C-alpha cells in the first residue's frame, strides 16, 4: 500500500500538490496585502482631502481677516444703510468649490474634523444668503437692511472663528493624526471652561441688572 502511494508521487502529481498548496496559502496573504494597500490608499485620499480643505479655508479666513472692521467703522456703514445709501456686498465671496466637490464623501474625513469643517461651511453659506438679502432690502427697507447688515457682521466674526478652529483641527490631524487632534480638542475644551468660569459672574450680574431695571 505504501509502495503504491510512493508510485503515485510522480513529478506531475507532486507539482500539482505543490501548486495547490501555494494557491491555498497565497489567498490569505494576497487578501492581507490588498487590505493593507486599500488602507494606504484611503489614508492618502483622506490626507489629500484634508490638505485641500485646509488650503481653501485658509484662503477665505485670510479674506475675512482683511474685511475685519473696527466698531466705529461698522456703525458708520450701518448708519449709511439706514439713510438709504447704497452699500455693495458681494454674495459670491464664499470660496467652497473644494468642499462642494467632496461633500458627498465628507464622511471619509476623520470624525474630529468633520464637525468644525461642516460648521464653517454652513456659516459661509448663511453669510452668502444674508449678503443677498441685504442687497435686496437696501432699496425697499433700508432700516431692515441696516439691522441685517449688523447680523451679517456678527456672522462674519463667527465664520472667521469657525474657520480658524477648522484649520487648527485639520493641521493637527494632518501632522499628528488622531493623537494630536485629541490633545488639541482637550486643550480647547479646557480653555473654553476657563473662559466660561471667568466671564460667567459678570454675565450673571449684567443679566440681574437688566431684570431689575425691567422690574422697576
Protein backbone atom coordinates (compact mmCIF):
# COMPACT_ATOMS: atom_id res chain seq x y z
CA UNK A 1 0.00 0.00 0.00
CA UNK A 2 2.74 2.39 0.96
CA UNK A 3 4.71 1.40 -2.13
CA UNK A 4 1.67 2.12 -4.30
CA UNK A 5 1.36 5.56 -2.66
CA UNK A 6 5.03 6.25 -3.43
CA UNK A 7 4.50 5.21 -7.00
CA UNK A 8 1.69 7.78 -7.26
CA UNK A 9 4.09 10.56 -6.23
CA UNK A 10 5.47 11.13 -9.66
CA UNK A 11 6.76 14.56 -10.61
CA UNK A 12 3.46 15.59 -12.15
CA UNK A 13 1.45 14.76 -9.04
CA UNK A 14 3.99 16.43 -6.77
CA UNK A 15 3.93 19.59 -8.90
CA UNK A 16 0.15 19.67 -8.76
CA UNK A 17 0.14 19.27 -4.97
CA UNK A 18 2.72 22.00 -4.55
CA UNK A 19 0.77 24.33 -6.82
CA UNK A 20 -2.43 23.68 -4.90
CA UNK A 21 -0.69 24.30 -1.56
CA UNK A 22 0.83 27.54 -2.83
CA UNK A 23 -2.56 28.71 -4.09
CA UNK A 24 -4.23 27.94 -0.76
CA UNK A 25 -1.52 29.72 1.22
CA UNK A 26 -1.33 32.65 -1.18
CA UNK A 27 -5.00 33.60 -0.85
CA UNK A 28 -4.85 34.91 2.74
CA UNK A 29 -1.51 36.56 2.02
CA UNK A 30 -2.93 38.35 -1.02
CA UNK A 31 -6.01 39.32 0.94
CA UNK A 32 -3.83 40.79 3.68
CA UNK A 33 -1.75 42.72 1.16
CA UNK A 34 -4.86 44.01 -0.61
CA UNK A 35 -6.35 45.20 2.65
CA UNK A 36 -3.11 46.92 3.58
CA UNK A 37 -2.95 48.61 0.18
CA UNK A 38 -6.57 49.71 0.50
CA UNK A 39 -5.83 51.27 3.90
CA UNK A 40 -2.83 53.08 2.46
CA UNK A 41 -4.88 54.41 -0.47
CA UNK A 42 -7.65 55.52 1.88
CA UNK A 43 -5.13 57.28 4.14
CA UNK A 44 -3.65 59.07 1.14
CA UNK A 45 -7.13 60.07 -0.07
CA UNK A 46 -8.18 61.40 3.34
CA UNK A 47 -4.90 63.26 3.73
CA UNK A 48 -5.25 64.86 0.28
CA UNK A 49 -8.82 65.96 1.04
CA UNK A 50 -7.77 67.45 4.39
CA UNK A 51 -4.91 69.38 2.77
CA UNK A 52 -7.21 70.71 0.04
CA UNK A 53 -9.82 71.83 2.56
CA UNK A 54 -7.14 73.44 4.71
CA UNK A 55 -5.89 75.47 1.74
CA UNK A 56 -9.41 76.57 0.80
CA UNK A 57 -10.40 77.52 4.35
CA UNK A 58 -7.11 79.34 4.96
CA UNK A 59 -7.58 81.46 1.82
CA UNK A 60 -11.07 82.55 2.86
CA UNK A 61 -10.17 83.14 6.51
CA UNK A 62 -7.40 85.48 5.33
CA UNK A 63 -10.02 87.29 3.27
CA UNK A 64 -12.30 87.57 6.30
CA UNK A 65 -9.40 88.91 8.36
CA UNK A 66 -8.82 91.62 5.76
CA UNK A 67 -12.53 92.57 5.93
CA UNK A 68 -12.47 92.93 9.71
CA UNK A 69 -13.94 96.29 10.77
CA UNK A 70 -13.49 98.44 13.82
CA UNK A 71 -16.70 99.11 15.72
CA UNK A 72 -16.85 102.79 14.67
CA UNK A 73 -16.38 101.86 11.02
CA UNK A 74 -19.12 99.25 11.23
CA UNK A 75 -21.51 101.72 12.88
CA UNK A 76 -20.79 104.24 10.14
CA UNK A 77 -21.77 101.71 7.48
CA UNK A 78 -24.93 100.79 9.40
CA UNK A 79 -25.92 104.48 9.54
CA UNK A 80 -25.21 104.73 5.84
CA UNK A 81 -27.62 101.86 5.17
CA UNK A 82 -30.34 103.35 7.40
CA UNK A 83 -30.14 106.54 5.36
CA UNK A 84 -30.81 104.53 2.21
CA UNK A 85 -27.34 104.97 0.77
CA UNK A 86 -26.13 102.10 -1.38
CA UNK A 87 -23.68 99.58 0.01
CA UNK A 88 -22.33 96.75 -2.13
CA UNK A 89 -21.90 93.32 -0.57
CA UNK A 90 -20.60 90.59 -2.82
CA UNK A 91 -22.71 87.43 -2.34
CA UNK A 92 -20.20 85.32 -4.23
CA UNK A 93 -17.28 85.83 -1.84
CA UNK A 94 -17.59 82.35 -0.35
CA UNK A 95 -14.87 80.00 -1.52
CA UNK A 96 -16.27 76.49 -1.24
CA UNK A 97 -15.50 74.77 -4.54
CA UNK A 98 -13.39 72.02 -2.97
CA UNK A 99 -15.94 71.39 -0.23
CA UNK A 100 -18.75 71.26 -2.79
CA UNK A 101 -16.76 68.73 -4.80
CA UNK A 102 -16.22 66.36 -1.85
CA UNK A 103 -19.42 66.96 0.09
CA UNK A 104 -20.79 63.52 -0.78
CA UNK A 105 -17.58 61.96 0.58
CA UNK A 106 -17.24 64.15 3.66
CA UNK A 107 -17.90 61.09 5.80
CA UNK A 108 -14.45 59.74 4.88
CA UNK A 109 -12.85 62.52 6.92
CA UNK A 110 -11.77 61.76 10.49
CA UNK A 111 -14.62 62.42 12.91
CA UNK A 112 -12.59 65.01 14.80
CA UNK A 113 -12.50 67.38 11.80
CA UNK A 114 -15.98 66.81 10.32
CA UNK A 115 -17.89 68.98 12.80
CA UNK A 116 -15.73 72.15 12.63
CA UNK A 117 -15.39 71.88 8.85
CA UNK A 118 -19.13 71.43 8.26
CA UNK A 119 -19.93 74.20 10.75
CA UNK A 120 -17.59 76.60 8.98
CA UNK A 121 -19.00 75.97 5.51
CA UNK A 122 -22.58 76.18 6.82
CA UNK A 123 -21.84 79.63 8.22
CA UNK A 124 -20.27 80.68 4.94
CA UNK A 125 -23.42 79.59 3.11
CA UNK A 126 -25.58 81.61 5.53
CA UNK A 127 -23.31 84.63 5.02
CA UNK A 128 -23.74 84.40 1.26
CA UNK A 129 -27.51 84.19 1.58
CA UNK A 130 -27.63 87.10 4.05
CA UNK A 131 -25.48 89.27 1.78
CA UNK A 132 -28.05 88.78 -0.99
CA UNK A 133 -30.90 89.61 1.39
CA UNK A 134 -29.20 92.83 2.49
CA UNK A 135 -28.79 93.87 -1.15
CA UNK A 136 -32.47 93.20 -1.81
CA UNK A 137 -33.60 95.18 1.25
CA UNK A 138 -31.48 98.29 0.63
CA UNK A 139 -33.93 99.96 -1.75
CA UNK A 140 -37.22 98.82 -0.21
CA UNK A 141 -36.44 98.75 3.53
CA UNK A 142 -33.15 100.46 4.45
CA UNK A 143 -33.76 100.15 8.21
CA UNK A 144 -34.24 96.41 7.87
CA UNK A 145 -31.15 96.23 5.66
CA UNK A 146 -29.11 98.01 8.34
CA UNK A 147 -30.18 95.54 11.04
CA UNK A 148 -29.47 92.60 8.76
CA UNK A 149 -26.06 94.06 7.98
CA UNK A 150 -25.29 94.16 11.70
CA UNK A 151 -26.18 90.44 11.88
CA UNK A 152 -24.02 89.88 8.80
CA UNK A 153 -21.00 91.41 10.53
CA UNK A 154 -21.54 89.24 13.61
CA UNK A 155 -21.83 86.17 11.41
CA UNK A 156 -18.61 87.18 9.66
CA UNK A 157 -16.81 87.17 13.00
CA UNK A 158 -18.32 83.78 13.88
CA UNK A 159 -17.33 82.33 10.49
CA UNK A 160 -13.78 83.60 10.92
CA UNK A 161 -13.54 81.95 14.34
CA UNK A 162 -15.02 78.71 12.99
CA UNK A 163 -12.59 78.76 10.10
CA UNK A 164 -9.66 79.17 12.46
CA UNK A 165 -10.90 76.26 14.57
CA UNK A 166 -11.31 74.09 11.47
CA UNK A 167 -7.78 75.00 10.40
CA UNK A 168 -6.34 74.04 13.79
CA UNK A 169 -8.12 70.68 13.69
CA UNK A 170 -7.00 69.97 10.12
CA UNK A 171 -3.38 70.90 10.81
CA UNK A 172 -3.29 68.72 13.93
CA UNK A 173 -4.89 65.84 12.03
CA UNK A 174 -2.53 66.11 9.06
CA UNK A 175 0.63 66.49 11.12
CA UNK A 176 -0.04 64.30 14.15
CA UNK A 177 -3.10 62.20 13.39
CA UNK A 178 -5.70 61.24 15.98
CA UNK A 179 -3.41 61.64 19.00
CA UNK A 180 -2.57 65.25 18.13
CA UNK A 181 -6.21 66.03 17.32
CA UNK A 182 -7.40 64.62 20.66
CA UNK A 183 -4.79 66.64 22.53
CA UNK A 184 -5.88 69.80 20.72
CA UNK A 185 -9.57 69.16 21.45
CA UNK A 186 -8.89 68.58 25.15
CA UNK A 187 -6.81 71.76 25.34
CA UNK A 188 -9.51 73.82 23.61
CA UNK A 189 -12.25 72.41 25.85
CA UNK A 190 -10.21 73.27 28.94
CA UNK A 191 -9.64 76.81 27.66
CA UNK A 192 -13.36 77.15 26.96
CA UNK A 193 -14.22 76.04 30.50
CA UNK A 194 -11.82 78.60 31.94
CA UNK A 195 -13.29 81.39 29.82
CA UNK A 196 -16.81 80.47 30.93
CA UNK A 197 -15.81 80.41 34.59
CA UNK A 198 -14.06 83.77 34.28
CA UNK A 199 -16.89 85.57 32.42
CA UNK A 200 -19.94 83.91 33.98
CA UNK A 201 -20.11 86.09 37.14
CA UNK A 202 -20.10 89.32 35.10
CA UNK A 203 -22.68 87.94 32.67
CA UNK A 204 -24.98 86.89 35.52
CA UNK A 205 -24.56 90.28 37.17
CA UNK A 206 -25.46 92.03 33.93
CA UNK A 207 -28.49 89.79 33.50
CA UNK A 208 -29.70 90.53 37.05
CA UNK A 209 -29.21 94.24 36.46
CA UNK A 210 -31.30 94.16 33.28
CA UNK A 211 -34.02 92.16 35.03
CA UNK A 212 -34.05 94.61 37.94
CA UNK A 213 -34.45 97.59 35.57
CA UNK A 214 -37.31 95.85 33.79
CA UNK A 215 -39.00 95.14 37.12
CA UNK A 216 -38.83 98.83 38.06
